[in-house]
Amino acid sequence: MKFNELDCVRTLRNFPEYGIAKGETGVIIIAFNKPNEAYEVEFEDGSGRPKATFPILPEDLELF
């Protein structure tokens, strides 16, 4: 696995369907390895409230 749960990550592309832009940061809350490697990432709105949570493939993330 490329990342671990609770890692801070940055998006490498836009996710307009979730209102997340390239470069936004979030925290990995679940790491999946089956059927494919993917990560459930939670993004906050700047005041500590969840903005979006959705699965992202490893090639669309980098450590922050």
PDB file of N, CA and C in Angstrom:
ATOM      1  N   MET A   1       0.841  -1.179   0.000  1.00  0.00           N
ATOM      2  CA  MET A   1       0.000   0.000   0.000  1.00  0.00           C
ATOM      3  C   MET A   1       0.886   1.243   0.000  1.00  0.00           C
ATOM      4  N   LYS A   2       0.450   2.215  -0.715  1.00  0.00           N
ATOM      5  CA  LYS A   2       1.210   3.442  -0.875  1.00  0.00           C
ATOM      6  C   LYS A   2       1.042   4.390   0.324  1.00  0.00           C
ATOM      7  N   PHE A   3      -0.158   4.432   0.896  1.00  0.00           N
ATOM      8  CA  PHE A   3      -0.466   5.322   2.014  1.00  0.00           C
ATOM      9  C   PHE A   3      -1.050   4.512   3.171  1.00  0.00           C
ATOM     10  N   ASN A   4      -1.112   5.138   4.335  1.00  0.00           N
ATOM     11  CA  ASN A   4      -1.670   4.499   5.530  1.00  0.00           C
ATOM     12  C   ASN A   4      -2.831   5.318   6.069  1.00  0.00           C
ATOM     13  N   GLU A   5      -3.683   4.665   6.858  1.00  0.00           N
ATOM     14  CA  GLU A   5      -4.772   5.382   7.509  1.00  0.00           C
ATOM     15  C   GLU A   5      -4.185   6.487   8.384  1.00  0.00           C
ATOM     16  N   LEU A   6      -4.848   7.634   8.378  1.00  0.00           N
ATOM     17  CA  LEU A   6      -4.484   8.853   9.108  1.00  0.00           C
ATOM     18  C   LEU A   6      -3.367   9.664   8.455  1.00  0.00           C
ATOM     19  N   ASP A   7      -2.880   9.238   7.280  1.00  0.00           N
ATOM     20  CA  ASP A   7      -1.932  10.057   6.527  1.00  0.00           C
ATOM     21  C   ASP A   7      -2.652  11.307   6.008  1.00  0.00           C
ATOM     22  N   CYS A   8      -1.952  12.440   6.023  1.00  0.00           N
ATOM     23  CA  CYS A   8      -2.447  13.658   5.380  1.00  0.00           C
ATOM     24  C   CYS A   8      -2.017  13.613   3.922  1.00  0.00           C
ATOM     25  N   VAL A   9      -2.974  13.844   3.027  1.00  0.00           N
ATOM     26  CA  VAL A   9      -2.702  13.759   1.593  1.00  0.00           C
ATOM     27  C   VAL A   9      -3.233  14.987   0.875  1.00  0.00           C
ATOM     28  N   ARG A  10      -2.724  15.191  -0.350  1.00  0.00           N
ATOM     29  CA  ARG A  10      -3.157  16.291  -1.208  1.00  0.00           C
ATOM     30  C   ARG A  10      -3.635  15.688  -2.528  1.00  0.00           C
ATOM     31  N   THR A  11      -4.703  16.250  -3.082  1.00  0.00           N
ATOM     32  CA  THR A  11      -5.225  15.749  -4.357  1.00  0.00           C
ATOM     33  C   THR A  11      -4.367  16.240  -5.512  1.00  0.00           C
ATOM     34  N   LEU A  12      -4.217  15.399  -6.515  1.00  0.00           N
ATOM     35  CA  LEU A  12      -3.440  15.730  -7.712  1.00  0.00           C
ATOM     36  C   LEU A  12      -4.326  16.102  -8.899  1.00  0.00           C
ATOM     37  N   ARG A  13      -5.652  16.102  -8.672  1.00  0.00           N
ATOM     38  CA  ARG A  13      -6.587  16.512  -9.722  1.00  0.00           C
ATOM     39  C   ARG A  13      -7.868  17.022  -9.074  1.00  0.00           C
ATOM     40  N   ASN A  14      -8.706  17.637  -9.872  1.00  0.00           N
ATOM     41  CA  ASN A  14     -10.002  18.128  -9.398  1.00  0.00           C
ATOM     42  C   ASN A  14     -10.995  16.983  -9.256  1.00  0.00           C
ATOM     43  N   PHE A  15     -11.883  17.104  -8.286  1.00  0.00           N
ATOM     44  CA  PHE A  15     -13.015  16.202  -8.108  1.00  0.00           C
ATOM     45  C   PHE A  15     -14.272  17.072  -8.022  1.00  0.00           C
ATOM     46  N   PRO A  16     -14.694  17.647  -9.156  1.00  0.00           N
ATOM     47  CA  PRO A  16     -15.810  18.608  -9.141  1.00  0.00           C
ATOM     48  C   PRO A  16     -17.122  18.026  -8.619  1.00  0.00           C
ATOM     49  N   GLU A  17     -17.320  16.729  -8.804  1.00  0.00           N
ATOM     50  CA  GLU A  17     -18.556  16.110  -8.323  1.00  0.00           C
ATOM     51  C   GLU A  17     -18.662  16.122  -6.801  1.00  0.00           C
ATOM     52  N   TYR A  18     -17.527  16.357  -6.115  1.00  0.00           N
ATOM     53  CA  TYR A  18     -17.504  16.432  -4.649  1.00  0.00           C
ATOM     54  C   TYR A  18     -17.140  17.830  -4.155  1.00  0.00           C
ATOM     55  N   GLY A  19     -16.901  18.768  -5.067  1.00  0.00           N
ATOM     56  CA  GLY A  19     -16.521  20.118  -4.688  1.00  0.00           C
ATOM     57  C   GLY A  19     -15.093  20.226  -4.176  1.00  0.00           C
ATOM     58  N   ILE A  20     -14.219  19.320  -4.626  1.00  0.00           N
ATOM     59  CA  ILE A  20     -12.825  19.296  -4.195  1.00  0.00           C
ATOM     60  C   ILE A  20     -11.924  19.661  -5.379  1.00  0.00           C
ATOM     61  N   ALA A  21     -11.040  20.641  -5.164  1.00  0.00           N
ATOM     62  CA  ALA A  21     -10.132  21.105  -6.212  1.00  0.00           C
ATOM     63  C   ALA A  21      -8.756  20.469  -6.061  1.00  0.00           C
ATOM     64  N   LYS A  22      -8.022  20.450  -7.147  1.00  0.00           N
ATOM     65  CA  LYS A  22      -6.642  19.968  -7.129  1.00  0.00           C
ATOM     66  C   LYS A  22      -5.865  20.744  -6.066  1.00  0.00           C
ATOM     67  N   GLY A  23      -5.094  20.017  -5.250  1.00  0.00           N
ATOM     68  CA  GLY A  23      -4.281  20.652  -4.224  1.00  0.00           C
ATOM     69  C   GLY A  23      -4.920  20.711  -2.848  1.00  0.00           C
ATOM     70  N   GLU A  24      -6.205  20.361  -2.745  1.00  0.00           N
ATOM     71  CA  GLU A  24      -6.835  20.359  -1.415  1.00  0.00           C
ATOM     72  C   GLU A  24      -6.295  19.193  -0.601  1.00  0.00           C
ATOM     73  N   THR A  25      -6.263  19.386   0.711  1.00  0.00           N
ATOM     74  CA  THR A  25      -5.721  18.359   1.597  1.00  0.00           C
ATOM     75  C   THR A  25      -6.825  17.677   2.386  1.00  0.00           C
ATOM     76  N   GLY A  26      -6.563  16.418   2.708  1.00  0.00           N
ATOM     77  CA  GLY A  26      -7.495  15.634   3.495  1.00  0.00           C
ATOM     78  C   GLY A  26      -6.746  14.568   4.272  1.00  0.00           C
ATOM     79  N   VAL A  27      -7.507  13.746   4.984  1.00  0.00           N
ATOM     80  CA  VAL A  27      -6.933  12.683   5.812  1.00  0.00           C
ATOM     81  C   VAL A  27      -7.513  11.346   5.363  1.00  0.00           C
ATOM     82  N   ILE A  28      -6.650  10.366   5.207  1.00  0.00           N
ATOM     83  CA  ILE A  28      -7.107   9.019   4.859  1.00  0.00           C
ATOM     84  C   ILE A  28      -7.757   8.396   6.090  1.00  0.00           C
ATOM     85  N   ILE A  29      -9.022   7.987   5.942  1.00  0.00           N
ATOM     86  CA  ILE A  29      -9.707   7.370   7.066  1.00  0.00           C
ATOM     87  C   ILE A  29      -9.844   5.854   6.908  1.00  0.00           C
ATOM     88  N   ILE A  30      -9.799   5.372   5.676  1.00  0.00           N
ATOM     89  CA  ILE A  30      -9.820   3.923   5.432  1.00  0.00           C
ATOM     90  C   ILE A  30      -8.918   3.624   4.236  1.00  0.00           C
ATOM     91  N   ALA A  31      -8.080   2.606   4.366  1.00  0.00           N
ATOM     92  CA  ALA A  31      -7.234   2.145   3.259  1.00  0.00           C
ATOM     93  C   ALA A  31      -7.776   0.802   2.780  1.00  0.00           C
ATOM     94  N   PHE A  32      -8.058   0.706   1.487  1.00  0.00           N
ATOM     95  CA  PHE A  32      -8.566  -0.520   0.879  1.00  0.00           C
ATOM     96  C   PHE A  32      -7.477  -1.156   0.020  1.00  0.00           C
ATOM     97  N   ASN A  33      -7.427  -2.485  -0.002  1.00  0.00           N
ATOM     98  CA  ASN A  33      -6.505  -3.154  -0.919  1.00  0.00           C
ATOM     99  C   ASN A  33      -7.213  -4.186  -1.777  1.00  0.00           C
ATOM    100  N   LYS A  34      -8.510  -4.405  -1.568  1.00  0.00           N
ATOM    101  CA  LYS A  34      -9.280  -5.334  -2.392  1.00  0.00           C
ATOM    102  C   LYS A  34     -10.599  -4.683  -2.737  1.00  0.00           C
ATOM    103  N   PRO A  35     -11.096  -4.768  -3.943  1.00  0.00           N
ATOM    104  CA  PRO A  35     -10.494  -5.450  -5.073  1.00  0.00           C
ATOM    105  C   PRO A  35      -9.314  -4.683  -5.661  1.00  0.00           C
ATOM    106  N   ASN A  36      -9.234  -3.364  -5.393  1.00  0.00           N
ATOM    107  CA  ASN A  36      -8.115  -2.543  -5.869  1.00  0.00           C
ATOM    108  C   ASN A  36      -7.672  -1.633  -4.739  1.00  0.00           C
ATOM    109  N   GLU A  37      -6.439  -1.144  -4.836  1.00  0.00           N
ATOM    110  CA  GLU A  37      -5.956  -0.183  -3.862  1.00  0.00           C
ATOM    111  C   GLU A  37      -6.712   1.135  -4.024  1.00  0.00           C
ATOM    112  N   ALA A  38      -7.271   1.632  -2.930  1.00  0.00           N
ATOM    113  CA  ALA A  38      -7.991   2.905  -2.920  1.00  0.00           C
ATOM    114  C   ALA A  38      -8.038   3.405  -1.484  1.00  0.00           C
ATOM    115  N   TYR A  39      -8.370   4.679  -1.336  1.00  0.00           N
ATOM    116  CA  TYR A  39      -8.363   5.305  -0.020  1.00  0.00           C
ATOM    117  C   TYR A  39      -9.594   6.170   0.162  1.00  0.00           C
ATOM    118  N   GLU A  40     -10.278   5.979   1.280  1.00  0.00           N
ATOM    119  CA  GLU A  40     -11.395   6.848   1.650  1.00  0.00           C
ATOM    120  C   GLU A  40     -10.770   8.063   2.326  1.00  0.00           C
ATOM    121  N   VAL A  41     -10.973   9.237   1.735  1.00  0.00           N
ATOM    122  CA  VAL A  41     -10.340  10.457   2.225  1.00  0.00           C
ATOM    123  C   VAL A  41     -11.419  11.426   2.687  1.00  0.00           C
ATOM    124  N   GLU A  42     -11.191  12.025   3.861  1.00  0.00           N
ATOM    125  CA  GLU A  42     -12.114  13.025   4.396  1.00  0.00           C
ATOM    126  C   GLU A  42     -11.490  14.408   4.257  1.00  0.00           C
ATOM    127  N   PHE A  43     -12.275  15.336   3.728  1.00  0.00           N
ATOM    128  CA  PHE A  43     -11.867  16.721   3.565  1.00  0.00           C
ATOM    129  C   PHE A  43     -12.716  17.587   4.485  1.00  0.00           C
ATOM    130  N   GLU A  44     -12.097  18.620   5.066  1.00  0.00           N
ATOM    131  CA  GLU A  44     -12.817  19.535   5.948  1.00  0.00           C
ATOM    132  C   GLU A  44     -13.037  20.867   5.253  1.00  0.00           C
ATOM    133  N   ASP A  45     -13.978  21.661   5.785  1.00  0.00           N
ATOM    134  CA  ASP A  45     -14.334  22.941   5.169  1.00  0.00           C
ATOM    135  C   ASP A  45     -13.528  24.126   5.679  1.00  0.00           C
ATOM    136  N   GLY A  46     -12.533  23.908   6.507  1.00  0.00           N
ATOM    137  CA  GLY A  46     -11.723  24.996   7.043  1.00  0.00           C
ATOM    138  C   GLY A  46     -12.093  25.365   8.462  1.00  0.00           C
ATOM    139  N   SER A  47     -13.278  24.966   8.886  1.00  0.00           N
ATOM    140  CA  SER A  47     -13.689  25.221  10.271  1.00  0.00           C
ATOM    141  C   SER A  47     -13.865  23.915  11.043  1.00  0.00           C
ATOM    142  N   GLY A  48     -13.312  22.829  10.490  1.00  0.00           N
ATOM    143  CA  GLY A  48     -13.347  21.547  11.175  1.00  0.00           C
ATOM    144  C   GLY A  48     -14.536  20.664  10.855  1.00  0.00           C
ATOM    145  N   ARG A  49     -15.451  21.150  10.036  1.00  0.00           N
ATOM    146  CA  ARG A  49     -16.610  20.337   9.661  1.00  0.00           C
ATOM    147  C   ARG A  49     -16.320  19.566   8.379  1.00  0.00           C
ATOM    148  N   PRO A  50     -16.792  18.329   8.285  1.00  0.00           N
ATOM    149  CA  PRO A  50     -16.570  17.551   7.063  1.00  0.00           C
ATOM    150  C   PRO A  50     -17.185  18.240   5.843  1.00  0.00           C
ATOM    151  N   LYS A  51     -16.385  18.305   4.776  1.00  0.00           N
ATOM    152  CA  LYS A  51     -16.836  18.898   3.508  1.00  0.00           C
ATOM    153  C   LYS A  51     -17.210  17.802   2.522  1.00  0.00           C
ATOM    154  N   ALA A  52     -16.374  16.753   2.475  1.00  0.00           N
ATOM    155  CA  ALA A  52     -16.612  15.629   1.569  1.00  0.00           C
ATOM    156  C   ALA A  52     -15.792  14.439   2.036  1.00  0.00           C
ATOM    157  N   THR A  53     -16.320  13.260   1.794  1.00  0.00           N
ATOM    158  CA  THR A  53     -15.621  12.008   2.063  1.00  0.00           C
ATOM    159  C   THR A  53     -15.936  11.064   0.918  1.00  0.00           C
ATOM    160  N   PHE A  54     -14.876  10.559   0.252  1.00  0.00           N
ATOM    161  CA  PHE A  54     -15.099   9.674  -0.887  1.00  0.00           C
ATOM    162  C   PHE A  54     -13.817   8.903  -1.185  1.00  0.00           C
ATOM    163  N   PRO A  55     -13.930   7.786  -1.925  1.00  0.00           N
ATOM    164  CA  PRO A  55     -12.745   6.979  -2.256  1.00  0.00           C
ATOM    165  C   PRO A  55     -11.947   7.598  -3.398  1.00  0.00           C
ATOM    166  N   ILE A  56     -10.616   7.503  -3.276  1.00  0.00           N
ATOM    167  CA  ILE A  56      -9.710   8.043  -4.283  1.00  0.00           C
ATOM    168  C   ILE A  56      -8.628   7.013  -4.586  1.00  0.00           C
ATOM    169  N   LEU A  57      -8.261   6.888  -5.836  1.00  0.00           N
ATOM    170  CA  LEU A  57      -7.193   5.975  -6.239  1.00  0.00           C
ATOM    171  C   LEU A  57      -5.829   6.568  -5.868  1.00  0.00           C
ATOM    172  N   PRO A  58      -4.823   5.718  -5.626  1.00  0.00           N
ATOM    173  CA  PRO A  58      -3.517   6.214  -5.179  1.00  0.00           C
ATOM    174  C   PRO A  58      -2.833   7.148  -6.169  1.00  0.00           C
ATOM    175  N   GLU A  59      -3.060   6.975  -7.455  1.00  0.00           N
ATOM    176  CA  GLU A  59      -2.404   7.841  -8.439  1.00  0.00           C
ATOM    177  C   GLU A  59      -2.945   9.273  -8.427  1.00  0.00           C
ATOM    178  N   ASP A  60      -4.037   9.513  -7.698  1.00  0.00           N
ATOM    179  CA  ASP A  60      -4.620  10.847  -7.607  1.00  0.00           C
ATOM    180  C   ASP A  60      -4.278  11.552  -6.296  1.00  0.00           C
ATOM    181  N   LEU A  61      -3.329  10.973  -5.523  1.00  0.00           N
ATOM    182  CA  LEU A  61      -2.952  11.519  -4.223  1.00  0.00           C
ATOM    183  C   LEU A  61      -1.442  11.605  -4.062  1.00  0.00           C
ATOM    184  N   GLU A  62      -1.018  12.511  -3.166  1.00  0.00           N
ATOM    185  CA  GLU A  62       0.380  12.549  -2.718  1.00  0.00           C
ATOM    186  C   GLU A  62       0.367  12.884  -1.236  1.00  0.00           C
ATOM    187  N   LEU A  63       1.421  12.464  -0.522  1.00  0.00           N
ATOM    188  CA  LEU A  63       1.540  12.807   0.886  1.00  0.00           C
ATOM    189  C   LEU A  63       1.683  14.315   1.023  1.00  0.00           C
ATOM    190  N   PHE A  64       1.116  14.837   2.090  1.00  0.00           N
ATOM    191  CA  PHE A  64       1.199  16.281   2.342  1.00  0.00           C
ATOM    192  C   PHE A  64       2.115  16.538   3.508  1.00  0.00           C
TER     193      PHE A  64
END
